[in-house]
Protein backbone atom coordinates (compact mmCIF):
# COMPACT_ATOMS: atom_id res chain seq x y z
CA MET A 1 99.71 78.14 143.19
CA ASN A 2 100.16 81.65 144.59
CA LYS A 3 97.98 84.66 143.83
CA LEU A 4 100.39 86.03 141.20
CA SER A 5 100.37 82.77 139.24
CA MET A 6 96.59 82.60 139.42
CA ALA A 7 96.35 86.17 138.15
CA ILE A 8 98.70 85.46 135.24
CA ALA A 9 96.76 82.30 134.39
CA GLY A 10 93.49 84.25 134.48
CA ILE A 11 94.86 86.96 132.19
CA SER A 12 96.21 84.34 129.75
CA PHE A 13 92.83 82.57 129.66
CA LEU A 14 91.05 85.86 129.07
CA PHE A 15 93.48 86.78 126.25
CA ALA A 16 93.07 83.37 124.59
CA GLY A 17 89.29 83.64 124.85
CA THR A 18 89.40 87.09 123.24
CA LEU A 19 91.50 85.77 120.33
CA PHE A 20 89.12 82.85 119.85
CA ALA A 21 86.14 85.19 119.76
CA GLU A 22 87.89 87.48 117.26
CA ASN A 23 88.77 84.52 115.02
CA ALA A 24 85.20 83.26 115.16
CA GLU A 25 83.90 86.71 114.32
CA THR A 26 86.40 87.03 111.49
CA LYS A 27 85.08 83.84 109.92
CA GLU A 28 81.53 85.04 110.38
CA ASN A 29 82.18 88.52 108.97
CA GLU A 30 84.37 88.63 105.85
CA PHE A 31 85.39 91.89 104.23
CA SER A 32 87.47 92.20 101.06
CA MET A 33 88.62 95.16 99.00
CA GLY A 34 90.00 95.47 95.51
CA VAL A 35 91.35 98.24 93.30
CA GLN A 36 91.35 98.36 89.51
CA LEU A 37 93.43 100.85 87.54
CA ARG A 38 93.11 100.39 83.79
CA PRO A 39 94.59 102.99 81.43
CA ARG A 40 94.28 102.30 77.70
CA ALA A 41 95.85 104.19 74.81
CA GLU A 42 93.94 104.23 71.51
CA TYR A 43 94.85 105.37 68.02
CA ARG A 44 91.73 105.64 65.87
CA ASN A 45 92.04 105.81 62.11
CA GLY A 46 88.68 104.71 60.77
CA VAL A 47 87.13 102.99 63.80
CA LEU A 48 83.46 101.89 63.50
CA PHE A 49 83.20 103.29 59.96
CA PRO A 50 85.72 104.22 57.22
CA ARG A 51 87.47 107.56 57.57
CA SER A 52 86.29 110.13 55.04
CA THR A 53 88.61 112.16 52.84
CA GLY A 54 90.11 115.08 54.73
CA GLN A 55 89.55 113.61 58.20
CA THR A 56 92.57 113.00 60.42
CA PRO A 57 93.20 110.16 62.90
CA ALA A 58 92.49 110.60 66.62
CA GLY A 59 94.46 109.50 69.65
CA PHE A 60 93.86 109.56 73.42
CA ILE A 61 94.37 107.68 76.68
CA ASN A 62 91.32 106.74 78.72
CA ASN A 63 91.39 105.41 82.25
CA ARG A 64 89.23 103.49 84.72
CA ALA A 65 89.89 103.78 88.45
CA ARG A 66 87.53 101.45 90.36
CA LEU A 67 87.36 100.67 94.07
CA MET A 68 85.51 97.45 94.96
CA MET A 69 84.35 96.30 98.40
CA ASP A 70 82.57 93.08 99.39
CA TYR A 71 81.10 92.02 102.71
CA LYS A 72 79.83 88.54 103.67
CA ARG A 73 78.03 87.38 106.79
CA ASP A 74 76.06 84.16 107.16
CA ARG A 75 73.52 84.27 104.31
CA LEU A 76 74.05 87.92 103.42
CA SER A 77 76.58 89.34 100.96
CA ILE A 78 76.90 92.98 99.92
CA GLY A 79 78.87 94.48 97.05
CA LEU A 80 79.84 98.10 96.46
CA ALA A 81 81.99 99.55 93.68
CA ALA A 82 82.74 103.19 92.89
CA GLN A 83 84.64 104.29 89.81
CA HIS A 84 86.00 107.31 87.97
CA VAL A 85 86.29 107.04 84.19
CA GLY A 86 87.55 109.59 81.72
CA VAL A 87 90.34 110.67 79.39
CA TRP A 88 93.76 111.87 80.50
CA GLY A 89 93.70 115.68 80.55
CA GLN A 90 89.91 115.90 80.56
CA ASP A 91 89.72 117.49 84.02
CA ALA A 92 91.27 120.73 85.18
CA GLN A 93 94.08 120.52 87.75
CA ILE A 94 91.81 122.19 90.29
CA GLU A 95 88.54 120.29 89.89
CA LYS A 96 85.60 120.82 92.24
CA ASP A 97 82.94 118.80 90.43
CA GLY A 98 84.18 115.21 90.33
CA ARG A 99 82.74 112.48 88.12
CA MET A 100 82.76 109.61 90.59
CA MET A 101 79.83 107.25 90.23
CA ILE A 102 78.52 104.09 91.87
CA ASN A 103 79.03 101.19 89.48
CA GLU A 104 77.71 98.48 91.81
CA ALA A 105 75.62 98.58 94.98
CA TRP A 106 73.79 95.34 95.66
CA ALA A 107 72.78 92.93 98.40
CA ASN A 108 72.39 89.18 97.98
CA LEU A 109 70.25 87.16 100.40
CA ASP A 110 70.62 83.37 100.58
CA LEU A 111 67.07 82.17 101.31
CA GLY A 112 68.07 78.53 101.71
CA SER A 113 67.31 75.40 99.65
CA GLY A 114 69.06 76.92 96.63
CA LEU A 115 66.92 80.07 96.57
CA PHE A 116 68.42 83.57 96.60
CA MET A 117 67.46 87.20 96.00
CA LYS A 118 69.82 89.89 94.72
CA PHE A 119 68.72 93.50 94.38
CA GLY A 120 70.31 96.84 93.57
CA ARG A 121 72.80 98.07 90.99
CA GLN A 122 74.56 95.06 89.49
CA SER A 123 76.11 93.55 86.38
CA LEU A 124 74.09 90.95 84.50
CA VAL A 125 76.36 88.45 82.75
CA TYR A 126 74.89 85.44 80.95
CA ASP A 127 76.25 82.89 78.50
CA ASP A 128 78.42 84.50 75.78
CA GLU A 129 77.25 88.02 76.81
CA ARG A 130 75.61 88.67 73.45
CA ILE A 131 72.29 89.61 75.08
CA LEU A 132 73.29 90.44 78.67
CA GLY A 133 76.91 91.23 79.49
CA SER A 134 79.16 93.43 81.60
CA LEU A 135 80.68 95.25 78.58
CA ASP A 136 83.98 95.20 80.43
CA TRP A 137 85.99 96.11 77.34
CA ASN A 138 84.36 99.55 77.57
CA VAL A 139 86.08 101.91 80.00
CA SER A 140 82.85 102.45 81.93
CA GLY A 141 81.31 98.97 81.81
CA ARG A 142 77.58 98.29 82.10
CA PHE A 143 75.22 97.98 85.05
CA HIS A 144 71.49 97.52 85.69
CA ASP A 145 69.23 98.58 88.55
CA ALA A 146 67.29 95.37 89.00
CA LEU A 147 65.88 92.64 91.21
CA LYS A 148 67.12 89.10 90.59
CA LEU A 149 65.35 86.04 92.01
CA GLY A 150 67.02 82.68 91.52
CA TYR A 151 67.22 78.99 92.26
CA GLU A 152 70.41 76.96 91.80
CA ASN A 153 71.55 73.40 92.46
CA THR A 154 74.32 71.21 91.06
CA GLN A 155 72.67 70.77 87.66
CA ASN A 156 70.11 73.54 87.25
CA LYS A 157 70.07 77.34 87.41
CA LEU A 158 66.93 79.47 87.10
CA HIS A 159 67.03 83.27 87.29
CA VAL A 160 64.21 85.81 87.04
CA ILE A 161 65.23 89.47 86.54
CA LEU A 162 62.87 92.42 86.95
CA ALA A 163 63.60 96.12 86.35
CA PHE A 164 61.55 99.32 86.22
CA ASN A 165 63.25 102.66 85.53
CA GLN A 166 62.24 106.29 86.08
CA ASN A 167 64.11 109.58 85.66
CA ASP A 168 63.06 111.11 88.97
CA GLU A 169 60.68 110.86 91.93
CA ARG A 170 57.41 112.12 90.48
CA ARG A 171 54.27 112.91 92.42
CA ILE A 172 51.93 112.82 89.41
CA ASP A 173 52.04 112.87 85.58
CA GLY A 174 52.43 109.16 84.98
CA THR A 175 55.55 107.08 84.36
CA TYR A 176 57.01 108.55 81.17
CA TYR A 177 60.71 107.64 80.95
CA SER A 178 63.27 109.51 78.88
CA MET A 179 66.07 107.20 77.73
CA THR A 180 68.39 110.11 76.87
CA ASP A 181 71.56 109.73 78.97
CA ALA A 182 69.83 106.97 80.94
CA GLN A 183 69.15 103.25 80.74
CA PRO A 184 68.11 102.14 77.21
CA TYR A 185 64.85 100.66 78.47
CA LYS A 186 61.96 101.53 80.76
CA SER A 187 61.16 98.04 82.01
CA MET A 188 62.64 94.56 81.68
CA GLN A 189 61.47 91.08 82.54
CA THR A 190 63.93 88.26 81.90
CA VAL A 191 63.88 84.51 82.58
CA TRP A 192 67.11 82.51 82.17
CA TYR A 193 67.52 78.76 82.67
CA GLN A 194 70.68 76.64 82.38
CA HIS A 195 71.07 72.87 82.67
CA LEU A 196 74.43 71.20 83.24
CA CYS A 197 74.42 67.88 81.40
CA PRO A 198 76.96 65.08 81.79
CA ALA A 199 80.15 65.12 79.71
CA ASP A 200 80.71 68.87 80.20
CA PHE A 201 77.75 69.93 78.07
CA ARG A 202 75.69 73.01 78.99
CA ILE A 203 72.47 74.28 77.49
CA SER A 204 70.64 77.46 78.44
CA PHE A 205 67.50 79.31 77.40
CA ILE A 206 66.63 82.98 77.80
CA PHE A 207 63.48 85.03 77.35
CA MET A 208 63.49 88.82 77.65
CA ASN A 209 60.64 91.28 77.41
CA LEU A 210 62.02 94.80 77.01
CA GLY A 211 59.85 97.90 77.28
CA GLN A 212 61.08 101.09 75.59
CA GLU A 213 59.36 104.45 75.93
CA THR A 214 58.06 106.28 72.85
CA GLY A 215 55.86 109.30 72.31
CA THR A 216 56.04 112.36 74.54
CA GLN A 217 55.55 113.37 78.16
CA GLU A 218 51.91 114.20 77.40
CA ASN A 219 51.28 111.11 75.28
CA ALA A 220 53.58 108.33 76.46
CA ASP A 221 53.55 104.96 74.77
CA THR A 222 55.67 101.94 75.71
CA LYS A 223 56.61 99.49 72.97
CA PHE A 224 57.83 95.99 73.81
CA MET A 225 60.46 93.79 72.23
CA GLN A 226 60.72 90.08 72.98
CA THR A 227 63.94 88.11 72.69
CA PHE A 228 64.13 84.32 72.69
CA GLY A 229 67.47 82.56 72.66
CA THR A 230 69.40 79.40 73.43
CA ASN A 231 73.09 78.83 74.07
CA LEU A 232 74.94 75.53 73.68
CA ASN A 233 78.37 74.98 75.20
CA TYR A 234 80.45 71.80 74.97
CA LEU A 235 83.70 71.92 76.95
CA GLN A 236 86.75 69.71 76.58
CA LYS A 237 90.24 69.92 77.99
CA ASP A 238 91.86 71.51 74.94
CA TRP A 239 88.89 72.84 72.97
CA GLN A 240 85.27 73.90 73.24
CA LEU A 241 82.27 74.24 70.93
CA ASN A 242 79.75 77.07 71.34
CA GLY A 243 76.52 77.88 69.55
CA THR A 244 73.92 80.65 69.98
CA PHE A 245 70.51 81.03 68.37
CA ILE A 246 68.44 84.21 68.91
CA ILE A 247 65.02 85.34 67.66
CA ARG A 248 63.65 88.85 68.26
CA ARG A 249 60.09 90.04 67.90
CA GLU A 250 59.26 93.74 68.18
CA LYS A 251 56.89 96.49 67.19
CA LYS A 252 58.33 99.46 65.33
CA LEU A 253 59.93 101.83 67.84
CA LYS A 254 59.88 105.60 67.34
CA VAL A 255 63.19 106.10 69.13
CA GLU A 256 66.67 106.81 67.90
CA ARG A 257 68.65 103.63 67.35
CA ARG A 258 72.33 104.03 68.06
CA LEU A 259 73.64 101.95 65.19
CA ARG A 260 76.52 102.43 62.88
CA PRO A 261 75.55 104.46 59.80
CA LEU A 262 75.88 101.47 57.48
CA CYS A 263 73.84 99.19 59.74
CA GLY A 264 71.24 101.91 60.16
CA ARG A 265 70.89 102.19 56.41
CA LEU A 266 70.64 98.41 56.13
CA THR A 267 67.83 98.42 58.71
CA GLU A 268 65.90 101.02 56.70
CA LEU A 269 66.23 99.02 53.49
CA THR A 270 65.54 95.52 54.82
CA GLY A 271 63.63 96.05 58.08
CA LEU A 272 66.01 93.63 59.82
CA THR A 273 67.26 94.31 63.33
CA PRO A 274 71.01 93.74 63.77
CA ASN A 275 72.20 91.52 66.61
CA GLY A 276 75.35 91.96 68.66
CA VAL A 277 76.48 94.91 70.72
CA TYR A 278 74.18 97.40 68.97
CA TRP A 279 71.04 96.10 70.63
CA GLN A 280 72.79 94.64 73.65
CA VAL A 281 71.31 95.84 76.95
């Protein structure tokens, strides 16, 4: 073999080695990107509550533009999603103050033996989403700033979720939290367990302790509401059977409840707390 052939063979070996290293690195480092564009036209003629005499229907087109990025390496995965939500025509043609926001920004660490830790801004989706859900039908969706600790195997899942919210970085003056234009709770502790039984039967239990701020900046007072629930799910090829049972225990909160007018009146008369999306966090 002459020198030219040896040189060509050496270059080919080097090129093949570089490709192998790149392929190995590609498998070790995975990056994916997704885009979601979701316009929705609505015609409202008595939505949420009956239209009063003299009121006219409303119509608009809202839109969600979301950019999603995910990165995976060994036992680490990272998710980031930014979105712009609004109504067509809401912004001026020359707009300097955009309304982009971070919808998701989390990191998930695989600790081995079925243990994991996920922290940051994330969606919390459990069971039928009556208590914790992504609210994806809403143009904005729902997120939480929380720490999730979990254990999972083939038949069992156990998650512990912890959250503590503040409006700003304070130096002093306590931990008063204003829920106006912010998260609807000051603190949250949640435990969720699911067991996968034979014959496609699933049963799960959830306990949530929700702290909501009352009082004032000078005299803050946190009231707590406990939620206990179970979810049953039986799956078959052509049909499924679901059941949910929820109990709530709370002290009277001195905060504005964002309920429909009729449900708010019903709460005043009976003292009952409605379930569903009105108290969903």
